[in-house]
C-alpha atoms as a PDB file:
ATOM      1  CA  MET A   1       0.000   0.000   0.000  1.00  0.00           C
ATOM      2  CA  LEU A   2       1.422   3.342  -1.021  1.00  0.00           C
ATOM      3  CA  ASP A   3       1.864   6.103   1.551  1.00  0.00           C
ATOM      4  CA  TYR A   4      -0.397   8.805   0.075  1.00  0.00           C
ATOM      5  CA  PRO A   5       0.512  11.560   2.571  1.00  0.00           C
ATOM      6  CA  ALA A   6       4.131  11.008   1.530  1.00  0.00           C
ATOM      7  CA  LEU A   7       3.146  11.135  -2.153  1.00  0.00           C
ATOM      8  CA  ALA A   8       1.307  14.388  -1.419  1.00  0.00           C
ATOM      9  CA  ALA A   9       4.568  15.743   0.009  1.00  0.00           C
ATOM     10  CA  VAL A  10       6.460  14.718  -3.143  1.00  0.00           C
ATOM     11  CA  SER A  11       3.799  16.356  -5.309  1.00  0.00           C
ATOM     12  CA  ALA A  12       3.964  19.594  -3.320  1.00  0.00           C
ATOM     13  CA  ILE A  13       7.765  19.689  -3.536  1.00  0.00           C
ATOM     14  CA  ILE A  14       7.699  19.355  -7.319  1.00  0.00           C
ATOM     15  CA  SER A  15       4.878  21.849  -7.846  1.00  0.00           C
ATOM     16  CA  GLU A  16       6.420  24.418  -5.476  1.00  0.00           C
ATOM     17  CA  GLY A  17      10.071  23.743  -6.340  1.00  0.00           C
ATOM     18  CA  SER A  18      11.461  23.215  -2.833  1.00  0.00           C
ATOM     19  CA  PHE A  19      10.891  21.459   0.500  1.00  0.00           C
ATOM     20  CA  GLU A  20      10.420  24.793   2.275  1.00  0.00           C
ATOM     21  CA  ARG A  21       7.655  26.040  -0.018  1.00  0.00           C
ATOM     22  CA  ALA A  22       6.007  22.608   0.024  1.00  0.00           C
ATOM     23  CA  ALA A  23       5.897  22.785   3.826  1.00  0.00           C
ATOM     24  CA  GLY A  24       4.000  26.078   3.607  1.00  0.00           C
ATOM     25  CA  VAL A  25       1.434  24.577   1.249  1.00  0.00           C
ATOM     26  CA  LEU A  26       0.978  21.452   3.369  1.00  0.00           C
ATOM     27  CA  GLY A  27       0.910  23.309   6.676  1.00  0.00           C
ATOM     28  CA  ILE A  28       3.721  21.259   8.220  1.00  0.00           C
ATOM     29  CA  SER A  29       7.387  21.873   8.950  1.00  0.00           C
ATOM     30  CA  PRO A  30      10.127  21.407   6.309  1.00  0.00           C
ATOM     31  CA  SER A  31      11.636  18.665   8.483  1.00  0.00           C
ATOM     32  CA  ALA A  32       8.296  16.811   8.462  1.00  0.00           C
ATOM     33  CA  VAL A  33       8.166  17.070   4.661  1.00  0.00           C
ATOM     34  CA  SER A  34      11.719  15.737   4.436  1.00  0.00           C
ATOM     35  CA  GLN A  35      10.897  12.888   6.814  1.00  0.00           C
ATOM     36  CA  ARG A  36       7.864  11.818   4.779  1.00  0.00           C
ATOM     37  CA  VAL A  37       9.867  11.724   1.568  1.00  0.00           C
ATOM     38  CA  ARG A  38      12.850   9.983   3.134  1.00  0.00           C
ATOM     39  CA  THR A  39      10.630   7.307   4.731  1.00  0.00           C
ATOM     40  CA  LEU A  40       8.907   6.629   1.398  1.00  0.00           C
ATOM     41  CA  GLU A  41      12.221   6.436  -0.467  1.00  0.00           C
ATOM     42  CA  GLU A  42      13.612   4.031   2.132  1.00  0.00           C
ATOM     43  CA  ARG A  43      10.513   1.842   1.878  1.00  0.00           C
ATOM     44  CA  LEU A  44      10.772   1.738  -1.908  1.00  0.00           C
ATOM     45  CA  GLY A  45      14.550   1.451  -1.929  1.00  0.00           C
ATOM     46  CA  ALA A  46      14.876   4.190  -4.537  1.00  0.00           C
ATOM     47  CA  ILE A  47      15.299   7.955  -4.872  1.00  0.00           C
ATOM     48  CA  LEU A  48      12.187   9.821  -5.980  1.00  0.00           C
ATOM     49  CA  ILE A  49      13.436  13.413  -5.958  1.00  0.00           C
ATOM     50  CA  VAL A  50      16.721  14.883  -7.153  1.00  0.00           C
ATOM     51  CA  ARG A  51      17.363  17.653  -4.636  1.00  0.00           C
ATOM     52  CA  GLY A  52      18.245  20.968  -6.240  1.00  0.00           C
ATOM     53  CA  GLN A  53      16.928  24.376  -7.267  1.00  0.00           C
ATOM     54  CA  PRO A  54      14.330  23.388  -8.322  1.00  0.00           C
ATOM     55  CA  CYS A  55      13.833  19.806  -7.180  1.00  0.00           C
ATOM     56  CA  ILE A  56      13.044  17.362 -10.011  1.00  0.00           C
ATOM     57  CA  LEU A  57      11.618  13.844 -10.168  1.00  0.00           C
ATOM     58  CA  THR A  58      13.488  10.682 -11.017  1.00  0.00           C
ATOM     59  CA  ASN A  59      11.899   8.255 -13.480  1.00  0.00           C
ATOM     60  CA  LEU A  60      10.283   6.318 -10.627  1.00  0.00           C
ATOM     61  CA  GLY A  61       9.138   9.587  -9.095  1.00  0.00           C
ATOM     62  CA  GLN A  62       7.458  10.560 -12.383  1.00  0.00           C
ATOM     63  CA  THR A  63       5.663   7.209 -12.509  1.00  0.00           C
ATOM     64  CA  LEU A  64       4.402   7.554  -8.939  1.00  0.00           C
ATOM     65  CA  MET A  65       3.280  11.149  -9.475  1.00  0.00           C
ATOM     66  CA  ALA A  66       1.343  10.148 -12.597  1.00  0.00           C
ATOM     67  CA  HIS A  67      -0.446   7.514 -10.488  1.00  0.00           C
ATOM     68  CA  PHE A  68      -1.022   9.976  -7.645  1.00  0.00           C
ATOM     69  CA  ASP A  69      -2.515  12.578  -9.990  1.00  0.00           C
ATOM     70  CA  ARG A  70      -4.952  10.003 -11.371  1.00  0.00           C
ATOM     71  CA  VAL A  71      -6.003   8.900  -7.887  1.00  0.00           C
ATOM     72  CA  ARG A  72      -6.636  12.513  -6.862  1.00  0.00           C
ATOM     73  CA  LEU A  73      -8.699  13.189  -9.980  1.00  0.00           C
ATOM     74  CA  LEU A  74     -10.821  10.100  -9.394  1.00  0.00           C
ATOM     75  CA  GLU A  75     -11.348  11.075  -5.760  1.00  0.00           C
ATOM     76  CA  ASP A  76     -12.218  14.605  -6.833  1.00  0.00           C
ATOM     77  CA  GLU A  77     -15.048  13.135  -8.908  1.00  0.00           C
ATOM     78  CA  LEU A  78     -16.612  11.709  -5.708  1.00  0.00           C
ATOM     79  CA  GLY A  79     -17.166  15.121  -4.187  1.00  0.00           C
ATOM     80  CA  PRO A  80     -15.748  16.650  -1.020  1.00  0.00           C
ATOM     81  CA  GLU A  81     -18.175  14.934   1.344  1.00  0.00           C
ATOM     82  CA  LEU A  82     -16.982  11.468   0.292  1.00  0.00           C
ATOM     83  CA  VAL A  83     -13.201  11.966   0.345  1.00  0.00           C
ATOM     84  CA  HIS A  84     -12.369  11.638   4.031  1.00  0.00           C
ATOM     85  CA  GLY A  85     -13.936  15.014   4.770  1.00  0.00           C
ATOM     86  CA  GLN A  86     -11.162  16.925   3.026  1.00  0.00           C
ATOM     87  CA  THR A  87     -11.768  20.273   1.351  1.00  0.00           C
ATOM     88  CA  HIS A  88     -12.717  20.034  -2.299  1.00  0.00           C
ATOM     89  CA  SER A  89     -10.149  21.568  -4.637  1.00  0.00           C
ATOM     90  CA  ARG A  90      -9.983  22.143  -8.349  1.00  0.00           C
ATOM     91  CA  LEU A  91      -7.233  19.835  -9.535  1.00  0.00           C
ATOM     92  CA  PRO A  92      -5.709  20.855 -12.873  1.00  0.00           C
ATOM     93  CA  LEU A  93      -5.827  18.544 -15.868  1.00  0.00           C
ATOM     94  CA  LYS A  94      -2.350  18.054 -17.281  1.00  0.00           C
ATOM     95  CA  VAL A  95      -2.224  18.175 -21.078  1.00  0.00           C
ATOM     96  CA  ALA A  96       0.546  18.452 -23.671  1.00  0.00           C
ATOM     97  CA  VAL A  97       0.101  20.867 -26.585  1.00  0.00           C
ATOM     98  CA  ASN A  98       2.368  21.922 -29.410  1.00  0.00           C
ATOM     99  CA  SER A  99       3.417  25.570 -29.450  1.00  0.00           C
ATOM    100  CA  ASP A 100       1.752  26.405 -32.776  1.00  0.00           C
ATOM    101  CA  SER A 101      -1.621  25.097 -31.589  1.00  0.00           C
ATOM    102  CA  LEU A 102      -1.286  27.085 -28.388  1.00  0.00           C
ATOM    103  CA  ALA A 103      -0.574  30.205 -30.453  1.00  0.00           C
ATOM    104  CA  THR A 104      -3.539  29.692 -32.782  1.00  0.00           C
ATOM    105  CA  TRP A 105      -6.678  27.628 -32.087  1.00  0.00           C
ATOM    106  CA  PHE A 106      -6.135  25.989 -28.665  1.00  0.00           C
ATOM    107  CA  PRO A 107      -6.832  29.073 -26.462  1.00  0.00           C
ATOM    108  CA  GLU A 108     -10.444  29.213 -27.682  1.00  0.00           C
ATOM    109  CA  ALA A 109     -10.929  25.562 -26.686  1.00  0.00           C
ATOM    110  CA  ALA A 110      -9.334  26.193 -23.291  1.00  0.00           C
ATOM    111  CA  LYS A 111     -11.590  29.213 -22.753  1.00  0.00           C
ATOM    112  CA  THR A 112     -14.718  27.224 -23.642  1.00  0.00           C
ATOM    113  CA  PHE A 113     -13.712  24.428 -21.267  1.00  0.00           C
ATOM    114  CA  GLY A 114     -12.698  26.770 -18.459  1.00  0.00           C
ATOM    115  CA  GLU A 115     -15.908  28.801 -18.584  1.00  0.00           C
ATOM    116  CA  ALA A 116     -18.022  25.635 -18.585  1.00  0.00           C
ATOM    117  CA  THR A 117     -16.251  23.739 -15.799  1.00  0.00           C
ATOM    118  CA  GLY A 118     -13.981  26.041 -13.790  1.00  0.00           C
ATOM    119  CA  THR A 119     -11.340  23.310 -13.960  1.00  0.00           C
ATOM    120  CA  PRO A 120      -7.802  24.657 -14.557  1.00  0.00           C
ATOM    121  CA  LEU A 121      -5.358  23.223 -17.070  1.00  0.00           C
ATOM    122  CA  ASP A 122      -1.662  22.508 -16.587  1.00  0.00           C
ATOM    123  CA  ILE A 123      -0.365  22.904 -20.159  1.00  0.00           C
ATOM    124  CA  LEU A 124       3.019  21.472 -21.144  1.00  0.00           C
ATOM    125  CA  LEU A 125       4.574  22.547 -24.446  1.00  0.00           C
ATOM    126  CA  ASP A 126       6.407  20.243 -26.839  1.00  0.00           C
ATOM    127  CA  ASP A 127       6.823  19.599 -30.549  1.00  0.00           C
ATOM    128  CA  GLU A 128       3.660  18.160 -32.127  1.00  0.00           C
ATOM    129  CA  GLY A 129       5.554  14.997 -33.035  1.00  0.00           C
ATOM    130  CA  HIS A 130       6.563  14.392 -29.417  1.00  0.00           C
ATOM    131  CA  THR A 131       3.715  15.571 -27.172  1.00  0.00           C
ATOM    132  CA  VAL A 132       2.400  12.007 -27.205  1.00  0.00           C
ATOM    133  CA  GLU A 133       5.531  10.777 -25.428  1.00  0.00           C
ATOM    134  CA  ARG A 134       4.443  12.797 -22.401  1.00  0.00           C
ATOM    135  CA  LEU A 135       1.121  10.948 -22.545  1.00  0.00           C
ATOM    136  CA  ARG A 136       2.782   7.546 -22.806  1.00  0.00           C
ATOM    137  CA  SER A 137       4.996   8.351 -19.828  1.00  0.00           C
ATOM    138  CA  GLY A 138       1.956   9.280 -17.744  1.00  0.00           C
ATOM    139  CA  GLU A 139       3.103  12.874 -17.339  1.00  0.00           C
ATOM    140  CA  VAL A 140      -0.127  14.175 -18.906  1.00  0.00           C
ATOM    141  CA  LEU A 141      -3.657  12.864 -19.426  1.00  0.00           C
ATOM    142  CA  ALA A 142      -4.129  14.088 -22.994  1.00  0.00           C
ATOM    143  CA  ALA A 143      -2.140  15.519 -25.877  1.00  0.00           C
ATOM    144  CA  VAL A 144      -2.525  17.403 -29.136  1.00  0.00           C
ATOM    145  CA  THR A 145      -0.197  15.437 -31.387  1.00  0.00           C
ATOM    146  CA  ALA A 146       0.789  14.580 -34.929  1.00  0.00           C
ATOM    147  CA  GLU A 147       1.168  10.958 -33.790  1.00  0.00           C
ATOM    148  CA  THR A 148      -0.998   8.604 -35.857  1.00  0.00           C
ATOM    149  CA  GLY A 149      -0.594   5.417 -33.821  1.00  0.00           C
ATOM    150  CA  GLU A 150      -2.674   4.179 -30.929  1.00  0.00           C
ATOM    151  CA  VAL A 151      -1.753   4.707 -27.276  1.00  0.00           C
ATOM    152  CA  PRO A 152      -2.814   1.949 -24.854  1.00  0.00           C
ATOM    153  CA  GLY A 153      -5.515   3.067 -22.444  1.00  0.00           C
ATOM    154  CA  CYS A 154      -6.385   6.108 -24.561  1.00  0.00           C
ATOM    155  CA  ARG A 155      -8.851   7.234 -27.218  1.00  0.00           C
ATOM    156  CA  LYS A 156      -7.814   9.075 -30.384  1.00  0.00           C
ATOM    157  CA  PHE A 157      -9.827  11.773 -32.155  1.00  0.00           C
ATOM    158  CA  PRO A 158      -8.688  13.301 -35.495  1.00  0.00           C
ATOM    159  CA  LEU A 159      -8.838  17.110 -35.277  1.00  0.00           C
ATOM    160  CA  GLY A 160      -7.951  18.272 -38.779  1.00  0.00           C
ATOM    161  CA  SER A 161      -4.781  19.822 -40.162  1.00  0.00           C
ATOM    162  CA  LEU A 162      -2.736  22.835 -39.106  1.00  0.00           C
ATOM    163  CA  LYS A 163      -1.446  24.451 -42.294  1.00  0.00           C
ATOM    164  CA  TYR A 164       1.976  26.061 -42.732  1.00  0.00           C
ATOM    165  CA  MET A 165       3.577  28.282 -45.345  1.00  0.00           C
ATOM    166  CA  ALA A 166       7.257  28.962 -46.020  1.00  0.00           C
ATOM    167  CA  CYS A 167       7.872  32.656 -45.310  1.00  0.00           C
ATOM    168  CA  ALA A 168      10.630  35.238 -45.096  1.00  0.00           C
ATOM    169  CA  SER A 169      10.939  39.009 -45.113  1.00  0.00           C
ATOM    170  CA  PRO A 170      10.944  40.790 -48.505  1.00  0.00           C
ATOM    171  CA  GLU A 171      14.566  41.872 -47.899  1.00  0.00           C
ATOM    172  CA  PHE A 172      15.604  38.285 -47.140  1.00  0.00           C
ATOM    173  CA  VAL A 173      13.951  37.035 -50.323  1.00  0.00           C
ATOM    174  CA  GLN A 174      15.714  39.711 -52.364  1.00  0.00           C
ATOM    175  CA  ARG A 175      19.055  38.774 -50.787  1.00  0.00           C
ATOM    176  CA  TYR A 176      18.858  34.999 -51.285  1.00  0.00           C
ATOM    177  CA  PHE A 177      16.119  34.329 -53.832  1.00  0.00           C
ATOM    178  CA  ALA A 178      16.155  37.301 -56.221  1.00  0.00           C
ATOM    179  CA  ASP A 179      15.857  34.945 -59.201  1.00  0.00           C
ATOM    180  CA  GLY A 180      13.463  32.533 -57.513  1.00  0.00           C
ATOM    181  CA  VAL A 181      13.731  29.809 -54.883  1.00  0.00           C
ATOM    182  CA  ASP A 182      16.121  27.071 -55.961  1.00  0.00           C
ATOM    183  CA  ALA A 183      18.405  24.464 -54.417  1.00  0.00           C
ATOM    184  CA  ASP A 184      21.469  26.736 -54.485  1.00  0.00           C
ATOM    185  CA  GLY A 185      19.665  29.551 -52.719  1.00  0.00           C
ATOM    186  CA  LEU A 186      18.224  27.213 -50.066  1.00  0.00           C
ATOM    187  CA  ALA A 187      21.693  25.833 -49.334  1.00  0.00           C
ATOM    188  CA  LYS A 188      22.910  29.352 -48.475  1.00  0.00           C
ATOM    189  CA  ALA A 189      19.821  30.919 -46.905  1.00  0.00           C
ATOM    190  CA  PRO A 190      19.548  30.487 -43.102  1.00  0.00           C
ATOM    191  CA  CYS A 191      16.375  28.808 -41.913  1.00  0.00           C
ATOM    192  CA  LEU A 192      14.539  28.520 -38.611  1.00  0.00           C
ATOM    193  CA  ARG A 193      13.468  25.447 -36.688  1.00  0.00           C
ATOM    194  CA  PHE A 194      11.590  25.032 -33.406  1.00  0.00           C
ATOM    195  CA  ASP A 195      14.143  22.561 -32.014  1.00  0.00           C
ATOM    196  CA  ARG A 196      16.374  19.770 -33.297  1.00  0.00           C
ATOM    197  CA  ARG A 197      13.334  17.496 -33.777  1.00  0.00           C
ATOM    198  CA  ASP A 198      11.482  19.975 -36.010  1.00  0.00           C
ATOM    199  CA  ASP A 199      11.638  18.797 -39.632  1.00  0.00           C
ATOM    200  CA  LEU A 200       8.867  20.926 -41.193  1.00  0.00           C
ATOM    201  CA  GLN A 201      11.362  23.034 -43.124  1.00  0.00           C
ATOM    202  CA  ALA A 202      13.067  19.907 -44.498  1.00  0.00           C
ATOM    203  CA  GLN A 203       9.669  18.422 -45.409  1.00  0.00           C
ATOM    204  CA  TRP A 204       8.713  21.562 -47.333  1.00  0.00           C
ATOM    205  CA  VAL A 205      12.010  21.653 -49.257  1.00  0.00           C
ATOM    206  CA  LYS A 206      11.641  17.983 -50.165  1.00  0.00           C
ATOM    207  CA  GLN A 207       8.011  18.451 -51.202  1.00  0.00           C
ATOM    208  CA  THR A 208       8.663  21.633 -53.193  1.00  0.00           C
ATOM    209  CA  LEU A 209      12.047  21.027 -54.854  1.00  0.00           C
ATOM    210  CA  ASN A 210      12.696  17.339 -54.150  1.00  0.00           C
ATOM    211  CA  VAL A 211      16.085  18.090 -52.555  1.00  0.00           C
ATOM    212  CA  ALA A 212      17.457  17.641 -49.051  1.00  0.00           C
ATOM    213  CA  LEU A 213      17.735  20.702 -46.833  1.00  0.00           C
ATOM    214  CA  ASP A 214      21.322  21.554 -45.914  1.00  0.00           C
ATOM    215  CA  ALA A 215      21.461  25.145 -44.697  1.00  0.00           C
ATOM    216  CA  PRO A 216      22.525  27.254 -41.690  1.00  0.00           C
ATOM    217  CA  ILE A 217      20.012  26.644 -38.885  1.00  0.00           C
ATOM    218  CA  TYR A 218      18.674  28.933 -36.164  1.00  0.00           C
ATOM    219  CA  SER A 219      16.728  27.155 -33.403  1.00  0.00           C
ATOM    220  CA  VAL A 220      14.014  29.093 -31.576  1.00  0.00           C
ATOM    221  CA  ALA A 221      11.476  27.270 -29.392  1.00  0.00           C
ATOM    222  CA  SER A 222       8.800  29.952 -29.686  1.00  0.00           C
ATOM    223  CA  THR A 223       6.034  30.341 -32.249  1.00  0.00           C
ATOM    224  CA  HIS A 224       5.973  34.129 -31.976  1.00  0.00           C
ATOM    225  CA  GLY A 225       9.771  34.217 -31.914  1.00  0.00           C
ATOM    226  CA  PHE A 226       9.654  32.308 -35.204  1.00  0.00           C
ATOM    227  CA  LEU A 227       7.460  35.001 -36.704  1.00  0.00           C
ATOM    228  CA  ASP A 228       9.450  37.910 -35.336  1.00  0.00           C
ATOM    229  CA  LEU A 229      12.836  36.552 -36.441  1.00  0.00           C
ATOM    230  CA  ALA A 230      11.552  35.821 -39.931  1.00  0.00           C
ATOM    231  CA  ALA A 231      10.026  39.296 -40.209  1.00  0.00           C
ATOM    232  CA  ALA A 232      13.315  40.783 -39.007  1.00  0.00           C
ATOM    233  CA  GLY A 233      15.085  39.172 -41.965  1.00  0.00           C
ATOM    234  CA  LEU A 234      17.183  36.674 -40.013  1.00  0.00           C
ATOM    235  CA  ALA A 235      15.984  33.473 -41.706  1.00  0.00           C
ATOM    236  CA  TRP A 236      13.052  31.767 -43.426  1.00  0.00           C
ATOM    237  CA  GLY A 237      10.759  29.243 -41.778  1.00  0.00           C
ATOM    238  CA  MET A 238       7.441  27.420 -41.853  1.00  0.00           C
ATOM    239  CA  GLN A 239       4.786  29.620 -40.257  1.00  0.00           C
ATOM    240  CA  PRO A 240       1.204  28.719 -39.288  1.00  0.00           C
ATOM    241  CA  VAL A 241      -0.980  30.191 -42.030  1.00  0.00           C
ATOM    242  CA  GLY A 242      -3.285  31.959 -39.581  1.00  0.00           C
ATOM    243  CA  LEU A 243      -0.365  33.832 -38.029  1.00  0.00           C
ATOM    244  CA  ALA A 244       1.534  34.489 -41.259  1.00  0.00           C
ATOM    245  CA  GLU A 245      -1.295  35.945 -43.332  1.00  0.00           C
ATOM    246  CA  PRO A 246      -1.611  39.198 -41.311  1.00  0.00           C
ATOM    247  CA  ARG A 247       2.162  39.709 -41.616  1.00  0.00           C
ATOM    248  CA  ILE A 248       1.939  39.127 -45.354  1.00  0.00           C
ATOM    249  CA  ALA A 249      -0.911  41.629 -45.604  1.00  0.00           C
ATOM    250  CA  GLU A 250       1.159  44.275 -43.813  1.00  0.00           C
ATOM    251  CA  GLY A 251       4.196  43.517 -45.998  1.00  0.00           C
ATOM    252  CA  THR A 252       6.617  42.224 -43.359  1.00  0.00           C
ATOM    253  CA  LEU A 253       6.542  38.654 -44.699  1.00  0.00           C
ATOM    254  CA  VAL A 254       6.164  37.040 -48.109  1.00  0.00           C
ATOM    255  CA  GLU A 255       5.501  33.431 -49.085  1.00  0.00           C
ATOM    256  CA  LEU A 256       8.599  31.907 -50.695  1.00  0.00           C
ATOM    257  CA  VAL A 257       6.712  29.799 -53.239  1.00  0.00           C
ATOM    258  CA  PRO A 258       2.965  30.437 -53.612  1.00  0.00           C
ATOM    259  CA  ASP A 259       0.552  27.516 -53.216  1.00  0.00           C
ATOM    260  CA  THR A 260       3.081  25.156 -51.605  1.00  0.00           C
ATOM    261  CA  ARG A 261       1.582  24.925 -48.152  1.00  0.00           C
ATOM    262  CA  LEU A 262       2.259  22.034 -45.831  1.00  0.00           C
ATOM    263  CA  ALA A 263      -0.580  20.455 -43.841  1.00  0.00           C
ATOM    264  CA  VAL A 264       0.168  18.725 -40.544  1.00  0.00           C
ATOM    265  CA  PRO A 265      -2.708  16.461 -39.399  1.00  0.00           C
ATOM    266  CA  LEU A 266      -3.329  16.676 -35.654  1.00  0.00           C
ATOM    267  CA  ASN A 267      -5.000  14.259 -33.262  1.00  0.00           C
ATOM    268  CA  TRP A 268      -6.331  14.556 -29.741  1.00  0.00           C
ATOM    269  CA  ILE A 269      -5.311  11.499 -27.736  1.00  0.00           C
ATOM    270  CA  VAL A 270      -6.876  11.323 -24.286  1.00  0.00           C
ATOM    271  CA  SER A 271      -6.776   8.891 -21.384  1.00  0.00           C
ATOM    272  CA  ARG A 272      -9.794   6.631 -20.837  1.00  0.00           C
ATOM    273  CA  LEU A 273      -9.700   7.542 -17.148  1.00  0.00           C
ATOM    274  CA  PRO A 274     -13.365   7.912 -16.055  1.00  0.00           C
ATOM    275  CA  VAL A 275     -13.133  11.591 -15.172  1.00  0.00           C
ATOM    276  CA  ALA A 276     -15.990  13.799 -16.361  1.00  0.00           C
ATOM    277  CA  SER A 277     -13.781  16.847 -16.879  1.00  0.00           C
ATOM    278  CA  LEU A 278     -11.681  14.945 -19.438  1.00  0.00           C
ATOM    279  CA  GLY A 279     -14.816  14.333 -21.477  1.00  0.00           C
ATOM    280  CA  ARG A 280     -15.786  17.999 -21.256  1.00  0.00           C
ATOM    281  CA  LEU A 281     -12.291  19.028 -22.359  1.00  0.00           C
ATOM    282  CA  THR A 282     -12.441  16.602 -25.278  1.00  0.00           C
ATOM    283  CA  ASP A 283     -15.763  18.091 -26.392  1.00  0.00           C
ATOM    284  CA  ALA A 284     -14.305  21.620 -26.279  1.00  0.00           C
ATOM    285  CA  ILE A 285     -11.175  20.571 -28.182  1.00  0.00           C
ATOM    286  CA  ARG A 286     -13.109  18.789 -30.915  1.00  0.00           C
ATOM    287  CA  SER A 287     -15.707  21.521 -31.432  1.00  0.00           C
ATOM    288  CA  THR A 288     -13.057  24.263 -31.657  1.00  0.00           C
ATOM    289  CA  ALA A 289     -10.810  22.234 -33.970  1.00  0.00           C
ATOM    290  CA  LYS A 290     -13.762  21.447 -36.238  1.00  0.00           C
ATOM    291  CA  VAL A 291     -13.908  25.139 -37.128  1.00  0.00           C
ATOM    292  CA  ALA A 292     -10.234  26.123 -36.885  1.00  0.00           C
ATOM    293  CA  LEU A 293      -8.613  23.066 -38.520  1.00  0.00           C
ATOM    294  CA  ARG A 294     -11.154  22.127 -41.169  1.00  0.00           C
END
């Protein structure tokens, strides 16, 4: 039988960042928090928390916290009068979302869900090809992902496609592509990527010119940073159409090759955990995506 007060201490340490702040949240002394964690680690024969600034979980700690979060959500469904008399609290749903969705259509879904339920969200950002790994690890309960496979214990709902266009500033295009976009120009022109796993730029080059992308790379893990750096003339990159079109209209961006947009199909993969708020969130996600990603 797991020691749930000790797991609550671990959870508070991770959410607050330190033993001292966790003690304030739990209403006990820092030494009592430390004792709870140490006793649990000794019982399990493994370290759960890497002490530091901030404290972080080990792999076993992540597994236990995923379990603890699910238990708390299920208990929360019972209502405050049935959970050992403890005060009812709004536990956040942990979800993983790609940055471009968060910058475009996802906020409307979050607003719809929040206004209907009052349940907060704990949103983790990752590349759309890798958000599902956070779901598989148990770190989150649902994910917006480009993953097409099935995840055990989860349901998958197709959302539609997020469309991208290759853009750069007019000055950048004049500097590198004055005679049109070709393989030689792309080999010299710097390009942007979200992180080392982002291959949208390479996909577009392959689709458009049937060549491999081999160019200077700037990495920037920010959707709006992507836009701003492209508009500043630093490099070209694949921009969400909904964000790029206003910049094109104002003349700060141009599309490198017209009518060569790249569509990235997205799915919503959500745990089958019998929690009503997950169903409400799924409804909000699907209804918003039906309009935004058609």
